[in-house]
Amino acid sequence: MSVLSTALVVAQGVLALAMGAAGSAKVTGSESQIQDFERFGYPRWFRLATGGIELTAGIGLATSLFVASVLAIPGSLLVVGTMSGAILTHVRVNDSAGDIAPPAILLAVALVVLWVHSGVSM
């Protein structure tokens, strides 16, 4: 396995873990997540739906590493969508760059994973 292939597997694995952790925190009702979604002005169901989407993305990305690599594309697309929404939400409520950085980094990693698995060459 080349260095780039190894780096992609590691990045995709970390992305899967991050999405699983973020989704779990939302679905299980972490106090910080509840407070954030209230501060954002979103209803409870939206936190649960977002958490479910993040969990699905994480499971898809993790599964694609071991079983069905085709799941990397929908998994990374879910991350692109949720992280784009997270960035826009943080901008809308005037959060700091430190609050915007984590979803921006996850978005960038998801775009790389999507690009590599899509087979599009430069």
PDB file of N, CA and C in Angstrom:
ATOM      1  N   MET A   1       0.849  -1.171   0.000  1.00  0.00           N
ATOM      2  CA  MET A   1       0.000   0.000   0.000  1.00  0.00           C
ATOM      3  C   MET A   1       0.897   1.236   0.000  1.00  0.00           C
ATOM      4  N   SER A   2       0.605   2.170  -0.890  1.00  0.00           N
ATOM      5  CA  SER A   2       1.412   3.383  -0.990  1.00  0.00           C
ATOM      6  C   SER A   2       1.136   4.319   0.187  1.00  0.00           C
ATOM      7  N   VAL A   3       2.001   5.291   0.328  1.00  0.00           N
ATOM      8  CA  VAL A   3       1.841   6.277   1.399  1.00  0.00           C
ATOM      9  C   VAL A   3       0.526   7.034   1.226  1.00  0.00           C
ATOM     10  N   LEU A   4       0.195   7.397  -0.017  1.00  0.00           N
ATOM     11  CA  LEU A   4      -1.057   8.123  -0.258  1.00  0.00           C
ATOM     12  C   LEU A   4      -2.273   7.259   0.056  1.00  0.00           C
ATOM     13  N   SER A   5      -2.215   5.985  -0.308  1.00  0.00           N
ATOM     14  CA  SER A   5      -3.328   5.084   0.006  1.00  0.00           C
ATOM     15  C   SER A   5      -3.501   4.935   1.512  1.00  0.00           C
ATOM     16  N   THR A   6      -2.387   4.807   2.209  1.00  0.00           N
ATOM     17  CA  THR A   6      -2.432   4.701   3.668  1.00  0.00           C
ATOM     18  C   THR A   6      -2.999   5.975   4.279  1.00  0.00           C
ATOM     19  N   ALA A   7      -2.568   7.120   3.768  1.00  0.00           N
ATOM     20  CA  ALA A   7      -3.064   8.404   4.275  1.00  0.00           C
ATOM     21  C   ALA A   7      -4.568   8.527   4.061  1.00  0.00           C
ATOM     22  N   LEU A   8      -5.056   8.074   2.908  1.00  0.00           N
ATOM     23  CA  LEU A   8      -6.490   8.136   2.632  1.00  0.00           C
ATOM     24  C   LEU A   8      -7.266   7.239   3.592  1.00  0.00           C
ATOM     25  N   VAL A   9      -6.763   6.034   3.828  1.00  0.00           N
ATOM     26  CA  VAL A   9      -7.437   5.113   4.746  1.00  0.00           C
ATOM     27  C   VAL A   9      -7.488   5.713   6.151  1.00  0.00           C
ATOM     28  N   VAL A  10      -6.376   6.290   6.591  1.00  0.00           N
ATOM     29  CA  VAL A  10      -6.330   6.908   7.922  1.00  0.00           C
ATOM     30  C   VAL A  10      -7.295   8.093   7.987  1.00  0.00           C
ATOM     31  N   ALA A  11      -7.262   8.959   6.970  1.00  0.00           N
ATOM     32  CA  ALA A  11      -8.144  10.130   6.950  1.00  0.00           C
ATOM     33  C   ALA A  11      -9.609   9.707   6.944  1.00  0.00           C
ATOM     34  N   GLN A  12      -9.931   8.700   6.141  1.00  0.00           N
ATOM     35  CA  GLN A  12     -11.310   8.225   6.078  1.00  0.00           C
ATOM     36  C   GLN A  12     -11.728   7.587   7.396  1.00  0.00           C
ATOM     37  N   GLY A  13     -10.818   6.866   8.028  1.00  0.00           N
ATOM     38  CA  GLY A  13     -11.113   6.265   9.329  1.00  0.00           C
ATOM     39  C   GLY A  13     -11.355   7.308  10.401  1.00  0.00           C
ATOM     40  N   VAL A  14     -10.515   8.334  10.420  1.00  0.00           N
ATOM     41  CA  VAL A  14     -10.685   9.421  11.394  1.00  0.00           C
ATOM     42  C   VAL A  14     -12.002  10.154  11.131  1.00  0.00           C
ATOM     43  N   LEU A  15     -12.311  10.378   9.855  1.00  0.00           N
ATOM     44  CA  LEU A  15     -13.572  11.031   9.496  1.00  0.00           C
ATOM     45  C   LEU A  15     -14.766  10.193   9.960  1.00  0.00           C
ATOM     46  N   ALA A  16     -14.688   8.886   9.762  1.00  0.00           N
ATOM     47  CA  ALA A  16     -15.767   7.993  10.204  1.00  0.00           C
ATOM     48  C   ALA A  16     -15.941   8.063  11.719  1.00  0.00           C
ATOM     49  N   LEU A  17     -14.833   8.039  12.447  1.00  0.00           N
ATOM     50  CA  LEU A  17     -14.901   8.127  13.911  1.00  0.00           C
ATOM     51  C   LEU A  17     -15.464   9.470  14.366  1.00  0.00           C
ATOM     52  N   ALA A  18     -15.020  10.550  13.721  1.00  0.00           N
ATOM     53  CA  ALA A  18     -15.498  11.887  14.091  1.00  0.00           C
ATOM     54  C   ALA A  18     -16.999  12.011  13.861  1.00  0.00           C
ATOM     55  N   MET A  19     -17.469  11.490  12.734  1.00  0.00           N
ATOM     56  CA  MET A  19     -18.899  11.574  12.449  1.00  0.00           C
ATOM     57  C   MET A  19     -19.703  10.688  13.399  1.00  0.00           C
ATOM     58  N   GLY A  20     -19.162   9.530  13.721  1.00  0.00           N
ATOM     59  CA  GLY A  20     -19.831   8.653  14.678  1.00  0.00           C
ATOM     60  C   GLY A  20     -19.944   9.297  16.048  1.00  0.00           C
ATOM     61  N   ALA A  21     -18.866   9.930  16.483  1.00  0.00           N
ATOM     62  CA  ALA A  21     -18.864  10.592  17.794  1.00  0.00           C
ATOM     63  C   ALA A  21     -19.821  11.784  17.808  1.00  0.00           C
ATOM     64  N   ALA A  22     -19.773  12.599  16.755  1.00  0.00           N
ATOM     65  CA  ALA A  22     -20.646  13.773  16.692  1.00  0.00           C
ATOM     66  C   ALA A  22     -22.111  13.356  16.624  1.00  0.00           C
ATOM     67  N   GLY A  23     -22.398  12.357  15.804  1.00  0.00           N
ATOM     68  CA  GLY A  23     -23.769  11.880  15.683  1.00  0.00           C
ATOM     69  C   GLY A  23     -24.283  11.281  16.978  1.00  0.00           C
ATOM     70  N   SER A  24     -23.440  10.514  17.647  1.00  0.00           N
ATOM     71  CA  SER A  24     -23.827   9.904  18.926  1.00  0.00           C
ATOM     72  C   SER A  24     -24.142  10.966  19.969  1.00  0.00           C
ATOM     73  N   ALA A  25     -23.324  12.016  20.011  1.00  0.00           N
ATOM     74  CA  ALA A  25     -23.553  13.094  20.981  1.00  0.00           C
ATOM     75  C   ALA A  25     -24.900  13.763  20.745  1.00  0.00           C
ATOM     76  N   LYS A  26     -25.273  13.927  19.488  1.00  0.00           N
ATOM     77  CA  LYS A  26     -26.552  14.564  19.180  1.00  0.00           C
ATOM     78  C   LYS A  26     -27.727  13.642  19.503  1.00  0.00           C
ATOM     79  N   VAL A  27     -27.616  12.393  19.105  1.00  0.00           N
ATOM     80  CA  VAL A  27     -28.717  11.445  19.292  1.00  0.00           C
ATOM     81  C   VAL A  27     -28.938  11.111  20.766  1.00  0.00           C
ATOM     82  N   THR A  28     -27.861  10.998  21.526  1.00  0.00           N
ATOM     83  CA  THR A  28     -28.001  10.651  22.946  1.00  0.00           C
ATOM     84  C   THR A  28     -28.329  11.857  23.815  1.00  0.00           C
ATOM     85  N   GLY A  29     -28.348  13.041  23.241  1.00  0.00           N
ATOM     86  CA  GLY A  29     -28.751  14.228  23.984  1.00  0.00           C
ATOM     87  C   GLY A  29     -27.680  14.807  24.878  1.00  0.00           C
ATOM     88  N   SER A  30     -26.459  14.856  24.368  1.00  0.00           N
ATOM     89  CA  SER A  30     -25.376  15.514  25.099  1.00  0.00           C
ATOM     90  C   SER A  30     -25.810  16.938  25.444  1.00  0.00           C
ATOM     91  N   GLU A  31     -25.576  17.334  26.685  1.00  0.00           N
ATOM     92  CA  GLU A  31     -26.017  18.656  27.142  1.00  0.00           C
ATOM     93  C   GLU A  31     -25.460  19.772  26.263  1.00  0.00           C
ATOM     94  N   SER A  32     -24.211  19.659  25.853  1.00  0.00           N
ATOM     95  CA  SER A  32     -23.619  20.703  25.007  1.00  0.00           C
ATOM     96  C   SER A  32     -24.312  20.759  23.645  1.00  0.00           C
ATOM     97  N   GLN A  33     -24.696  19.609  23.111  1.00  0.00           N
ATOM     98  CA  GLN A  33     -25.400  19.595  21.825  1.00  0.00           C
ATOM     99  C   GLN A  33     -26.799  20.190  21.960  1.00  0.00           C
ATOM    100  N   ILE A  34     -27.475  19.857  23.055  1.00  0.00           N
ATOM    101  CA  ILE A  34     -28.806  20.424  23.295  1.00  0.00           C
ATOM    102  C   ILE A  34     -28.717  21.945  23.379  1.00  0.00           C
ATOM    103  N   GLN A  35     -27.744  22.444  24.145  1.00  0.00           N
ATOM    104  CA  GLN A  35     -27.570  23.891  24.290  1.00  0.00           C
ATOM    105  C   GLN A  35     -27.218  24.545  22.958  1.00  0.00           C
ATOM    106  N   ASP A  36     -26.329  23.913  22.186  1.00  0.00           N
ATOM    107  CA  ASP A  36     -25.950  24.484  20.889  1.00  0.00           C
ATOM    108  C   ASP A  36     -27.153  24.585  19.957  1.00  0.00           C
ATOM    109  N   PHE A  37     -27.921  23.519  19.830  1.00  0.00           N
ATOM    110  CA  PHE A  37     -29.054  23.542  18.908  1.00  0.00           C
ATOM    111  C   PHE A  37     -30.121  24.532  19.363  1.00  0.00           C
ATOM    112  N   GLU A  38     -30.291  24.709  20.670  1.00  0.00           N
ATOM    113  CA  GLU A  38     -31.205  25.743  21.170  1.00  0.00           C
ATOM    114  C   GLU A  38     -30.670  27.125  20.812  1.00  0.00           C
ATOM    115  N   ARG A  39     -29.358  27.315  20.988  1.00  0.00           N
ATOM    116  CA  ARG A  39     -28.737  28.603  20.647  1.00  0.00           C
ATOM    117  C   ARG A  39     -28.860  28.894  19.157  1.00  0.00           C
ATOM    118  N   PHE A  40     -28.783  27.850  18.343  1.00  0.00           N
ATOM    119  CA  PHE A  40     -28.909  28.019  16.892  1.00  0.00           C
ATOM    120  C   PHE A  40     -30.353  28.282  16.474  1.00  0.00           C
ATOM    121  N   GLY A  41     -31.300  28.012  17.381  1.00  0.00           N
ATOM    122  CA  GLY A  41     -32.709  28.206  17.064  1.00  0.00           C
ATOM    123  C   GLY A  41     -33.343  27.030  16.338  1.00  0.00           C
ATOM    124  N   TYR A  42     -32.732  25.857  16.442  1.00  0.00           N
ATOM    125  CA  TYR A  42     -33.250  24.670  15.774  1.00  0.00           C
ATOM    126  C   TYR A  42     -34.088  23.836  16.742  1.00  0.00           C
ATOM    127  N   PRO A  43     -35.131  23.177  16.237  1.00  0.00           N
ATOM    128  CA  PRO A  43     -35.958  22.329  17.101  1.00  0.00           C
ATOM    129  C   PRO A  43     -35.248  21.015  17.450  1.00  0.00           C
ATOM    130  N   ARG A  44     -35.779  20.345  18.456  1.00  0.00           N
ATOM    131  CA  ARG A  44     -35.197  19.085  18.945  1.00  0.00           C
ATOM    132  C   ARG A  44     -35.068  18.051  17.830  1.00  0.00           C
ATOM    133  N   TRP A  45     -36.117  17.939  16.990  1.00  0.00           N
ATOM    134  CA  TRP A  45     -36.107  16.921  15.940  1.00  0.00           C
ATOM    135  C   TRP A  45     -34.947  17.145  14.973  1.00  0.00           C
ATOM    136  N   PHE A  46     -34.545  18.408  14.792  1.00  0.00           N
ATOM    137  CA  PHE A  46     -33.460  18.697  13.853  1.00  0.00           C
ATOM    138  C   PHE A  46     -32.125  18.193  14.403  1.00  0.00           C
ATOM    139  N   ARG A  47     -31.936  18.311  15.717  1.00  0.00           N
ATOM    140  CA  ARG A  47     -30.723  17.767  16.348  1.00  0.00           C
ATOM    141  C   ARG A  47     -30.678  16.258  16.166  1.00  0.00           C
ATOM    142  N   LEU A  48     -31.805  15.604  16.393  1.00  0.00           N
ATOM    143  CA  LEU A  48     -31.865  14.145  16.252  1.00  0.00           C
ATOM    144  C   LEU A  48     -31.652  13.718  14.801  1.00  0.00           C
ATOM    145  N   ALA A  49     -32.254  14.444  13.865  1.00  0.00           N
ATOM    146  CA  ALA A  49     -32.078  14.117  12.445  1.00  0.00           C
ATOM    147  C   ALA A  49     -30.630  14.320  12.018  1.00  0.00           C
ATOM    148  N   THR A  50     -30.040  15.426  12.459  1.00  0.00           N
ATOM    149  CA  THR A  50     -28.636  15.691  12.133  1.00  0.00           C
ATOM    150  C   THR A  50     -27.742  14.602  12.703  1.00  0.00           C
ATOM    151  N   GLY A  51     -28.002  14.212  13.935  1.00  0.00           N
ATOM    152  CA  GLY A  51     -27.231  13.132  14.550  1.00  0.00           C
ATOM    153  C   GLY A  51     -27.380  11.823  13.795  1.00  0.00           C
ATOM    154  N   GLY A  52     -28.593  11.524  13.362  1.00  0.00           N
ATOM    155  CA  GLY A  52     -28.828  10.309  12.581  1.00  0.00           C
ATOM    156  C   GLY A  52     -28.086  10.320  11.259  1.00  0.00           C
ATOM    157  N   ILE A  53     -28.074  11.474  10.610  1.00  0.00           N
ATOM    158  CA  ILE A  53     -27.345  11.608   9.345  1.00  0.00           C
ATOM    159  C   ILE A  53     -25.850  11.435   9.585  1.00  0.00           C
ATOM    160  N   GLU A  54     -25.343  12.055  10.646  1.00  0.00           N
ATOM    161  CA  GLU A  54     -23.913  11.926  10.951  1.00  0.00           C
ATOM    162  C   GLU A  54     -23.537  10.486  11.289  1.00  0.00           C
ATOM    163  N   LEU A  55     -24.378   9.803  12.051  1.00  0.00           N
ATOM    164  CA  LEU A  55     -24.123   8.389  12.354  1.00  0.00           C
ATOM    165  C   LEU A  55     -24.130   7.546  11.081  1.00  0.00           C
ATOM    166  N   THR A  56     -25.086   7.809  10.208  1.00  0.00           N
ATOM    167  CA  THR A  56     -25.160   7.080   8.940  1.00  0.00           C
ATOM    168  C   THR A  56     -23.911   7.318   8.106  1.00  0.00           C
ATOM    169  N   ALA A  57     -23.456   8.562   8.061  1.00  0.00           N
ATOM    170  CA  ALA A  57     -22.230   8.883   7.319  1.00  0.00           C
ATOM    171  C   ALA A  57     -21.038   8.136   7.901  1.00  0.00           C
ATOM    172  N   GLY A  58     -20.910   8.161   9.217  1.00  0.00           N
ATOM    173  CA  GLY A  58     -19.798   7.476   9.871  1.00  0.00           C
ATOM    174  C   GLY A  58     -19.810   5.981   9.618  1.00  0.00           C
ATOM    175  N   ILE A  59     -20.990   5.378   9.698  1.00  0.00           N
ATOM    176  CA  ILE A  59     -21.110   3.938   9.447  1.00  0.00           C
ATOM    177  C   ILE A  59     -20.769   3.621   7.995  1.00  0.00           C
ATOM    178  N   GLY A  60     -21.259   4.440   7.077  1.00  0.00           N
ATOM    179  CA  GLY A  60     -20.952   4.226   5.660  1.00  0.00           C
ATOM    180  C   GLY A  60     -19.469   4.335   5.368  1.00  0.00           C
ATOM    181  N   LEU A  61     -18.832   5.351   5.929  1.00  0.00           N
ATOM    182  CA  LEU A  61     -17.393   5.534   5.709  1.00  0.00           C
ATOM    183  C   LEU A  61     -16.587   4.403   6.330  1.00  0.00           C
ATOM    184  N   ALA A  62     -16.964   3.977   7.527  1.00  0.00           N
ATOM    185  CA  ALA A  62     -16.242   2.880   8.186  1.00  0.00           C
ATOM    186  C   ALA A  62     -16.446   1.566   7.435  1.00  0.00           C
ATOM    187  N   THR A  63     -17.682   1.299   7.049  1.00  0.00           N
ATOM    188  CA  THR A  63     -17.983   0.063   6.327  1.00  0.00           C
ATOM    189  C   THR A  63     -17.238   0.007   5.001  1.00  0.00           C
ATOM    190  N   SER A  64     -17.111   1.152   4.353  1.00  0.00           N
ATOM    191  CA  SER A  64     -16.439   1.180   3.050  1.00  0.00           C
ATOM    192  C   SER A  64     -14.958   0.834   3.154  1.00  0.00           C
ATOM    193  N   LEU A  65     -14.395   0.970   4.335  1.00  0.00           N
ATOM    194  CA  LEU A  65     -12.984   0.608   4.518  1.00  0.00           C
ATOM    195  C   LEU A  65     -12.788  -0.901   4.536  1.00  0.00           C
ATOM    196  N   PHE A  66     -13.815  -1.645   4.919  1.00  0.00           N
ATOM    197  CA  PHE A  66     -13.661  -3.085   5.123  1.00  0.00           C
ATOM    198  C   PHE A  66     -14.484  -3.951   4.180  1.00  0.00           C
ATOM    199  N   VAL A  67     -15.643  -3.468   3.760  1.00  0.00           N
ATOM    200  CA  VAL A  67     -16.560  -4.341   3.027  1.00  0.00           C
ATOM    201  C   VAL A  67     -16.917  -3.784   1.652  1.00  0.00           C
ATOM    202  N   ALA A  68     -17.644  -2.693   1.630  1.00  0.00           N
ATOM    203  CA  ALA A  68     -18.194  -2.161   0.385  1.00  0.00           C
ATOM    204  C   ALA A  68     -17.659  -0.759   0.133  1.00  0.00           C
ATOM    205  N   SER A  69     -16.595  -0.675  -0.657  1.00  0.00           N
ATOM    206  CA  SER A  69     -15.963   0.634  -0.878  1.00  0.00           C
ATOM    207  C   SER A  69     -16.900   1.629  -1.546  1.00  0.00           C
ATOM    208  N   VAL A  70     -17.951   1.143  -2.199  1.00  0.00           N
ATOM    209  CA  VAL A  70     -18.907   2.026  -2.850  1.00  0.00           C
ATOM    210  C   VAL A  70     -19.618   2.927  -1.838  1.00  0.00           C
ATOM    211  N   LEU A  71     -19.657   2.545  -0.568  1.00  0.00           N
ATOM    212  CA  LEU A  71     -20.317   3.356   0.459  1.00  0.00           C
ATOM    213  C   LEU A  71     -19.536   4.611   0.828  1.00  0.00           C
ATOM    214  N   ALA A  72     -18.293   4.714   0.382  1.00  0.00           N
ATOM    215  CA  ALA A  72     -17.504   5.913   0.672  1.00  0.00           C
ATOM    216  C   ALA A  72     -18.104   7.146   0.005  1.00  0.00           C
ATOM    217  N   ILE A  73     -18.684   6.975  -1.164  1.00  0.00           N
ATOM    218  CA  ILE A  73     -19.243   8.127  -1.881  1.00  0.00           C
ATOM    219  C   ILE A  73     -20.482   8.677  -1.169  1.00  0.00           C
ATOM    220  N   PRO A  74     -21.520   7.865  -0.908  1.00  0.00           N
ATOM    221  CA  PRO A  74     -22.659   8.448  -0.173  1.00  0.00           C
ATOM    222  C   PRO A  74     -22.286   8.897   1.236  1.00  0.00           C
ATOM    223  N   GLY A  75     -21.378   8.170   1.890  1.00  0.00           N
ATOM    224  CA  GLY A  75     -20.944   8.580   3.228  1.00  0.00           C
ATOM    225  C   GLY A  75     -20.290   9.945   3.214  1.00  0.00           C
ATOM    226  N   SER A  76     -19.393  10.152   2.255  1.00  0.00           N
ATOM    227  CA  SER A  76     -18.709  11.448   2.193  1.00  0.00           C
ATOM    228  C   SER A  76     -19.659  12.554   1.737  1.00  0.00           C
ATOM    229  N   LEU A  77     -20.631  12.226   0.884  1.00  0.00           N
ATOM    230  CA  LEU A  77     -21.623  13.233   0.489  1.00  0.00           C
ATOM    231  C   LEU A  77     -22.462  13.689   1.682  1.00  0.00           C
ATOM    232  N   LEU A  78     -22.807  12.757   2.561  1.00  0.00           N
ATOM    233  CA  LEU A  78     -23.541  13.134   3.775  1.00  0.00           C
ATOM    234  C   LEU A  78     -22.706  14.063   4.653  1.00  0.00           C
ATOM    235  N   VAL A  79     -21.406  13.789   4.740  1.00  0.00           N
ATOM    236  CA  VAL A  79     -20.523  14.664   5.524  1.00  0.00           C
ATOM    237  C   VAL A  79     -20.448  16.042   4.877  1.00  0.00           C
ATOM    238  N   VAL A  80     -20.310  16.088   3.557  1.00  0.00           N
ATOM    239  CA  VAL A  80     -20.246  17.378   2.858  1.00  0.00           C
ATOM    240  C   VAL A  80     -21.504  18.194   3.159  1.00  0.00           C
ATOM    241  N   GLY A  81     -22.657  17.556   3.090  1.00  0.00           N
ATOM    242  CA  GLY A  81     -23.906  18.271   3.359  1.00  0.00           C
ATOM    243  C   GLY A  81     -24.028  18.758   4.788  1.00  0.00           C
ATOM    244  N   THR A  82     -23.751  17.875   5.745  1.00  0.00           N
ATOM    245  CA  THR A  82     -23.917  18.272   7.146  1.00  0.00           C
ATOM    246  C   THR A  82     -22.870  19.295   7.574  1.00  0.00           C
ATOM    247  N   MET A  83     -21.658  19.155   7.105  1.00  0.00           N
ATOM    248  CA  MET A  83     -20.619  20.115   7.499  1.00  0.00           C
ATOM    249  C   MET A  83     -20.828  21.467   6.821  1.00  0.00           C
ATOM    250  N   SER A  84     -21.358  21.466   5.602  1.00  0.00           N
ATOM    251  CA  SER A  84     -21.703  22.741   4.960  1.00  0.00           C
ATOM    252  C   SER A  84     -22.776  23.449   5.772  1.00  0.00           C
ATOM    253  N   GLY A  85     -23.780  22.689   6.207  1.00  0.00           N
ATOM    254  CA  GLY A  85     -24.823  23.262   7.057  1.00  0.00           C
ATOM    255  C   GLY A  85     -24.282  23.748   8.386  1.00  0.00           C
ATOM    256  N   ALA A  86     -23.346  22.998   8.968  1.00  0.00           N
ATOM    257  CA  ALA A  86     -22.746  23.403  10.246  1.00  0.00           C
ATOM    258  C   ALA A  86     -21.980  24.716  10.093  1.00  0.00           C
ATOM    259  N   ILE A  87     -21.216  24.820   9.016  1.00  0.00           N
ATOM    260  CA  ILE A  87     -20.444  26.048   8.781  1.00  0.00           C
ATOM    261  C   ILE A  87     -21.392  27.234   8.621  1.00  0.00           C
ATOM    262  N   LEU A  88     -22.422  27.071   7.807  1.00  0.00           N
ATOM    263  CA  LEU A  88     -23.381  28.164   7.602  1.00  0.00           C
ATOM    264  C   LEU A  88     -24.078  28.545   8.906  1.00  0.00           C
ATOM    265  N   THR A  89     -24.401  27.561   9.723  1.00  0.00           N
ATOM    266  CA  THR A  89     -25.033  27.836  11.016  1.00  0.00           C
ATOM    267  C   THR A  89     -24.101  28.643  11.909  1.00  0.00           C
ATOM    268  N   HIS A  90     -22.850  28.229  12.007  1.00  0.00           N
ATOM    269  CA  HIS A  90     -21.891  28.955  12.851  1.00  0.00           C
ATOM    270  C   HIS A  90     -21.678  30.383  12.347  1.00  0.00           C
ATOM    271  N   VAL A  91     -21.656  30.563  11.039  1.00  0.00           N
ATOM    272  CA  VAL A  91     -21.513  31.914  10.478  1.00  0.00           C
ATOM    273  C   VAL A  91     -22.758  32.739  10.803  1.00  0.00           C
ATOM    274  N   ARG A  92     -23.945  32.125  10.654  1.00  0.00           N
ATOM    275  CA  ARG A  92     -25.208  32.835  10.890  1.00  0.00           C
ATOM    276  C   ARG A  92     -25.326  33.354  12.311  1.00  0.00           C
ATOM    277  N   VAL A  93     -24.812  32.600  13.292  1.00  0.00           N
ATOM    278  CA  VAL A  93     -24.916  33.032  14.692  1.00  0.00           C
ATOM    279  C   VAL A  93     -23.657  33.764  15.165  1.00  0.00           C
ATOM    280  N   ASN A  94     -22.808  34.129  14.226  1.00  0.00           N
ATOM    281  CA  ASN A  94     -21.586  34.897  14.510  1.00  0.00           C
ATOM    282  C   ASN A  94     -20.632  34.193  15.468  1.00  0.00           C
ATOM    283  N   ASP A  95     -20.491  32.874  15.316  1.00  0.00           N
ATOM    284  CA  ASP A  95     -19.516  32.141  16.118  1.00  0.00           C
ATOM    285  C   ASP A  95     -18.103  32.472  15.651  1.00  0.00           C
ATOM    286  N   SER A  96     -17.144  32.146  16.489  1.00  0.00           N
ATOM    287  CA  SER A  96     -15.740  32.444  16.190  1.00  0.00           C
ATOM    288  C   SER A  96     -15.183  31.475  15.149  1.00  0.00           C
ATOM    289  N   ALA A  97     -14.028  31.832  14.619  1.00  0.00           N
ATOM    290  CA  ALA A  97     -13.334  30.965  13.666  1.00  0.00           C
ATOM    291  C   ALA A  97     -13.005  29.620  14.301  1.00  0.00           C
ATOM    292  N   GLY A  98     -12.759  29.623  15.604  1.00  0.00           N
ATOM    293  CA  GLY A  98     -12.484  28.379  16.312  1.00  0.00           C
ATOM    294  C   GLY A  98     -13.666  27.424  16.306  1.00  0.00           C
ATOM    295  N   ASP A  99     -14.881  27.968  16.257  1.00  0.00           N
ATOM    296  CA  ASP A  99     -16.078  27.128  16.167  1.00  0.00           C
ATOM    297  C   ASP A  99     -16.325  26.653  14.738  1.00  0.00           C
ATOM    298  N   ILE A 100     -15.872  27.443  13.781  1.00  0.00           N
ATOM    299  CA  ILE A 100     -16.075  27.114  12.371  1.00  0.00           C
ATOM    300  C   ILE A 100     -15.013  26.133  11.873  1.00  0.00           C
ATOM    301  N   ALA A 101     -13.837  26.149  12.466  1.00  0.00           N
ATOM    302  CA  ALA A 101     -12.720  25.321  11.989  1.00  0.00           C
ATOM    303  C   ALA A 101     -13.014  23.816  11.982  1.00  0.00           C
ATOM    304  N   PRO A 102     -13.564  23.223  13.050  1.00  0.00           N
ATOM    305  CA  PRO A 102     -13.779  21.764  13.009  1.00  0.00           C
ATOM    306  C   PRO A 102     -14.666  21.294  11.853  1.00  0.00           C
ATOM    307  N   PRO A 103     -15.853  21.904  11.639  1.00  0.00           N
ATOM    308  CA  PRO A 103     -16.627  21.430  10.486  1.00  0.00           C
ATOM    309  C   PRO A 103     -15.945  21.745   9.151  1.00  0.00           C
ATOM    310  N   ALA A 104     -15.165  22.821   9.097  1.00  0.00           N
ATOM    311  CA  ALA A 104     -14.452  23.141   7.856  1.00  0.00           C
ATOM    312  C   ALA A 104     -13.390  22.089   7.550  1.00  0.00           C
ATOM    313  N   ILE A 105     -12.700  21.627   8.574  1.00  0.00           N
ATOM    314  CA  ILE A 105     -11.683  20.582   8.385  1.00  0.00           C
ATOM    315  C   ILE A 105     -12.348  19.274   7.970  1.00  0.00           C
ATOM    316  N   LEU A 106     -13.435  18.908   8.640  1.00  0.00           N
ATOM    317  CA  LEU A 106     -14.150  17.680   8.273  1.00  0.00           C
ATOM    318  C   LEU A 106     -14.700  17.769   6.851  1.00  0.00           C
ATOM    319  N   LEU A 107     -15.164  18.946   6.461  1.00  0.00           N
ATOM    320  CA  LEU A 107     -15.633  19.155   5.090  1.00  0.00           C
ATOM    321  C   LEU A 107     -14.500  18.931   4.096  1.00  0.00           C
ATOM    322  N   ALA A 108     -13.334  19.490   4.379  1.00  0.00           N
ATOM    323  CA  ALA A 108     -12.188  19.332   3.477  1.00  0.00           C
ATOM    324  C   ALA A 108     -11.788  17.865   3.345  1.00  0.00           C
ATOM    325  N   VAL A 109     -11.742  17.154   4.455  1.00  0.00           N
ATOM    326  CA  VAL A 109     -11.387  15.724   4.415  1.00  0.00           C
ATOM    327  C   VAL A 109     -12.436  14.950   3.621  1.00  0.00           C
ATOM    328  N   ALA A 110     -13.708  15.248   3.842  1.00  0.00           N
ATOM    329  CA  ALA A 110     -14.779  14.558   3.115  1.00  0.00           C
ATOM    330  C   ALA A 110     -14.686  14.814   1.617  1.00  0.00           C
ATOM    331  N   LEU A 111     -14.328  16.032   1.234  1.00  0.00           N
ATOM    332  CA  LEU A 111     -14.175  16.344  -0.191  1.00  0.00           C
ATOM    333  C   LEU A 111     -13.031  15.553  -0.812  1.00  0.00           C
ATOM    334  N   VAL A 112     -11.943  15.382  -0.075  1.00  0.00           N
ATOM    335  CA  VAL A 112     -10.823  14.577  -0.574  1.00  0.00           C
ATOM    336  C   VAL A 112     -11.251  13.118  -0.727  1.00  0.00           C
ATOM    337  N   VAL A 113     -11.911  12.577   0.288  1.00  0.00           N
ATOM    338  CA  VAL A 113     -12.389  11.186   0.227  1.00  0.00           C
ATOM    339  C   VAL A 113     -13.342  11.015  -0.956  1.00  0.00           C
ATOM    340  N   LEU A 114     -14.259  11.944  -1.123  1.00  0.00           N
ATOM    341  CA  LEU A 114     -15.208  11.897  -2.234  1.00  0.00           C
ATOM    342  C   LEU A 114     -14.483  11.936  -3.569  1.00  0.00           C
ATOM    343  N   TRP A 115     -13.531  12.844  -3.699  1.00  0.00           N
ATOM    344  CA  TRP A 115     -12.784  12.993  -4.946  1.00  0.00           C
ATOM    345  C   TRP A 115     -12.019  11.719  -5.287  1.00  0.00           C
ATOM    346  N   VAL A 116     -11.324  11.155  -4.322  1.00  0.00           N
ATOM    347  CA  VAL A 116     -10.532   9.947  -4.570  1.00  0.00           C
ATOM    348  C   VAL A 116     -11.438   8.777  -4.956  1.00  0.00           C
ATOM    349  N   HIS A 117     -12.529   8.595  -4.237  1.00  0.00           N
ATOM    350  CA  HIS A 117     -13.413   7.456  -4.518  1.00  0.00           C
ATOM    351  C   HIS A 117     -14.256   7.654  -5.773  1.00  0.00           C
ATOM    352  N   SER A 118     -14.400   8.890  -6.228  1.00  0.00           N
ATOM    353  CA  SER A 118     -15.189   9.138  -7.438  1.00  0.00           C
ATOM    354  C   SER A 118     -14.432   8.737  -8.695  1.00  0.00           C
ATOM    355  N   GLY A 119     -13.111   8.639  -8.589  1.00  0.00           N
ATOM    356  CA  GLY A 119     -12.307   8.240  -9.743  1.00  0.00           C
ATOM    357  C   GLY A 119     -12.009   9.365 -10.712  1.00  0.00           C
ATOM    358  N   VAL A 120     -12.370  10.585 -10.361  1.00  0.00           N
ATOM    359  CA  VAL A 120     -12.095  11.731 -11.221  1.00  0.00           C
ATOM    360  C   VAL A 120     -10.621  12.074 -11.102  1.00  0.00           C
ATOM    361  N   SER A 121      -9.954  12.195 -12.249  1.00  0.00           N
ATOM    362  CA  SER A 121      -8.525  12.531 -12.210  1.00  0.00           C
ATOM    363  C   SER A 121      -8.331  14.014 -12.464  1.00  0.00           C
ATOM    364  N   MET A 122      -7.158  14.489 -12.095  1.00  0.00           N
ATOM    365  CA  MET A 122      -6.856  15.913 -12.270  1.00  0.00           C
ATOM    366  C   MET A 122      -6.397  16.186 -13.676  1.00  0.00           C
TER     367      MET A 122
END
